[in-house]
Structures are given as structure tokens and as C-alpha cells.
């Protein structure tokens, strides 16, 4: 016996993705040869895995919470003070559902 997914207010989900990661930064670099000012943009590859739950409060409104991990390959040169910005992703959401529904 299955549960009708349309009849429950609790909607769990899993998420996954892979794609480009683009970073841009500007600043001053100082070294033994002097200082330089510049702007740089770099690209690499990254991905995301996670999951969470949405709670449908009414036909048009929901709230949710999710937890995941964002992974990326290192940039060839640092953006900001780091060359890798991988880490845990926590989210709280409010959603507006549009359309007529069933």
C-alpha cells in the first residue's frame, strides 16, 4: 500500500549536481619583487550532494530546511585568501508555489 505524495504536507528531497565553479576577485599582491594590483577570474569544476525537507503550509506556501556539501577542485591561484571553497551548506527556505495545482 503506497502513500499518495500529494496528500502529505511533508516533502523530503535529495539533491545532487555537478558543473562549473567560477571565481572572481581583485586586490593587491605584495612580494619581494614589489606590489601589483589586479582583477582575476578563474574556473574549475565542482559538485553538490545533499537533502532536506519542505513543509507545505498552504496551497501556495512552504518552508524548508536542507543540508549538503559543496565540493570543488582547487583554483590554480587563490581567490581571496583561499584556493578551495568547499564546505557544508545549510539552508532555511520560504517558498511560494505558483500554478493552479490539481
Protein backbone atom coordinates (compact mmCIF):
# COMPACT_ATOMS: atom_id res chain seq x y z
CA UNK A 1 0.00 0.00 0.00
CA UNK A 2 1.61 3.29 -1.11
CA UNK A 3 1.22 6.78 0.27
CA UNK A 4 -0.21 9.46 -2.01
CA UNK A 5 2.59 12.06 -2.17
CA UNK A 6 0.04 14.80 -2.88
CA UNK A 7 -1.79 14.23 0.41
CA UNK A 8 1.11 14.82 2.82
CA UNK A 9 2.49 18.21 3.83
CA UNK A 10 6.00 16.84 4.41
CA UNK A 11 8.08 16.62 1.20
CA UNK A 12 11.61 15.17 1.68
CA UNK A 13 14.15 15.52 -1.15
CA UNK A 14 17.69 14.64 -2.17
CA UNK A 15 19.83 16.81 -4.43
CA UNK A 16 22.98 16.35 -6.48
CA UNK A 17 24.71 18.32 -9.17
CA UNK A 18 27.98 18.91 -10.97
CA UNK A 19 29.13 21.84 -13.04
CA UNK A 20 31.43 24.82 -13.41
CA UNK A 21 32.61 26.94 -10.47
CA UNK A 22 33.68 30.46 -11.40
CA UNK A 23 35.53 32.74 -9.00
CA UNK A 24 36.46 36.37 -9.38
CA UNK A 25 38.49 38.63 -7.16
CA UNK A 26 40.52 41.79 -7.11
CA UNK A 27 43.16 43.05 -4.77
CA UNK A 28 46.77 43.87 -4.12
CA UNK A 29 49.57 41.30 -4.04
CA UNK A 30 52.84 42.22 -2.37
CA UNK A 31 56.02 40.26 -2.72
CA UNK A 32 59.78 40.62 -2.83
CA UNK A 33 59.56 41.99 -6.38
CA UNK A 34 57.09 44.73 -5.45
CA UNK A 35 53.32 45.06 -5.38
CA UNK A 36 50.71 44.58 -8.09
CA UNK A 37 47.04 45.45 -8.32
CA UNK A 38 44.71 43.34 -10.44
CA UNK A 39 41.46 41.57 -11.10
CA UNK A 40 41.22 37.89 -11.92
CA UNK A 41 38.60 35.34 -12.90
CA UNK A 42 39.14 31.59 -12.80
CA UNK A 43 37.12 28.49 -13.42
CA UNK A 44 37.16 24.92 -12.16
CA UNK A 45 34.68 22.07 -11.61
CA UNK A 46 32.56 21.35 -8.57
CA UNK A 47 29.57 19.47 -7.28
CA UNK A 48 26.91 19.29 -4.60
CA UNK A 49 25.16 16.48 -2.68
CA UNK A 50 22.52 16.98 -0.05
CA UNK A 51 18.97 16.61 1.07
CA UNK A 52 16.27 18.18 3.15
CA UNK A 53 12.56 18.56 3.71
CA UNK A 54 9.90 21.05 2.62
CA UNK A 55 6.72 21.51 4.66
CA UNK A 56 3.72 22.74 2.69
CA UNK A 57 1.84 25.12 4.98
CA UNK A 58 -0.89 26.00 2.49
CA UNK A 59 -1.51 25.50 -1.23
CA UNK A 60 0.83 28.38 -2.10
CA UNK A 61 3.37 28.46 0.75
CA UNK A 62 6.11 26.20 2.10
CA UNK A 63 9.07 26.34 4.47
CA UNK A 64 12.06 24.07 4.32
CA UNK A 65 15.44 23.08 5.65
CA UNK A 66 18.34 21.42 3.90
CA UNK A 67 21.87 20.22 4.49
CA UNK A 68 24.52 19.43 1.91
CA UNK A 69 28.16 19.52 0.95
CA UNK A 70 29.62 21.65 -1.84
CA UNK A 71 32.84 20.29 -3.37
CA UNK A 72 35.17 21.96 -5.85
CA UNK A 73 38.58 21.36 -7.39
CA UNK A 74 41.14 23.95 -6.34
CA UNK A 75 41.63 27.15 -8.30
CA UNK A 76 45.11 27.45 -9.84
CA UNK A 77 45.60 30.74 -7.93
CA UNK A 78 43.81 31.78 -4.73
CA UNK A 79 40.56 33.76 -4.94
CA UNK A 80 40.56 35.85 -1.80
CA UNK A 81 42.86 34.08 0.62
CA UNK A 82 41.98 30.50 -0.38
CA UNK A 83 42.16 28.37 -3.50
CA UNK A 84 39.41 25.96 -2.37
CA UNK A 85 35.98 26.99 -1.12
CA UNK A 86 34.45 23.53 -0.49
CA UNK A 87 32.29 23.09 2.58
CA UNK A 88 28.99 22.34 4.27
CA UNK A 89 25.88 24.15 3.04
CA UNK A 90 22.95 24.73 5.43
CA UNK A 91 19.75 26.37 4.19
CA UNK A 92 16.40 27.52 5.51
CA UNK A 93 13.85 28.40 2.84
CA UNK A 94 10.47 30.02 2.36
CA UNK A 95 8.72 29.08 -0.85
CA UNK A 96 5.84 30.44 -2.87
CA UNK A 97 4.24 27.77 -5.06
CA UNK A 98 2.58 29.12 -8.17
CA UNK A 99 0.14 27.43 -10.51
CA UNK A 100 -3.32 26.00 -10.04
CA UNK A 101 -2.32 22.58 -8.71
CA UNK A 102 -4.74 19.69 -9.02
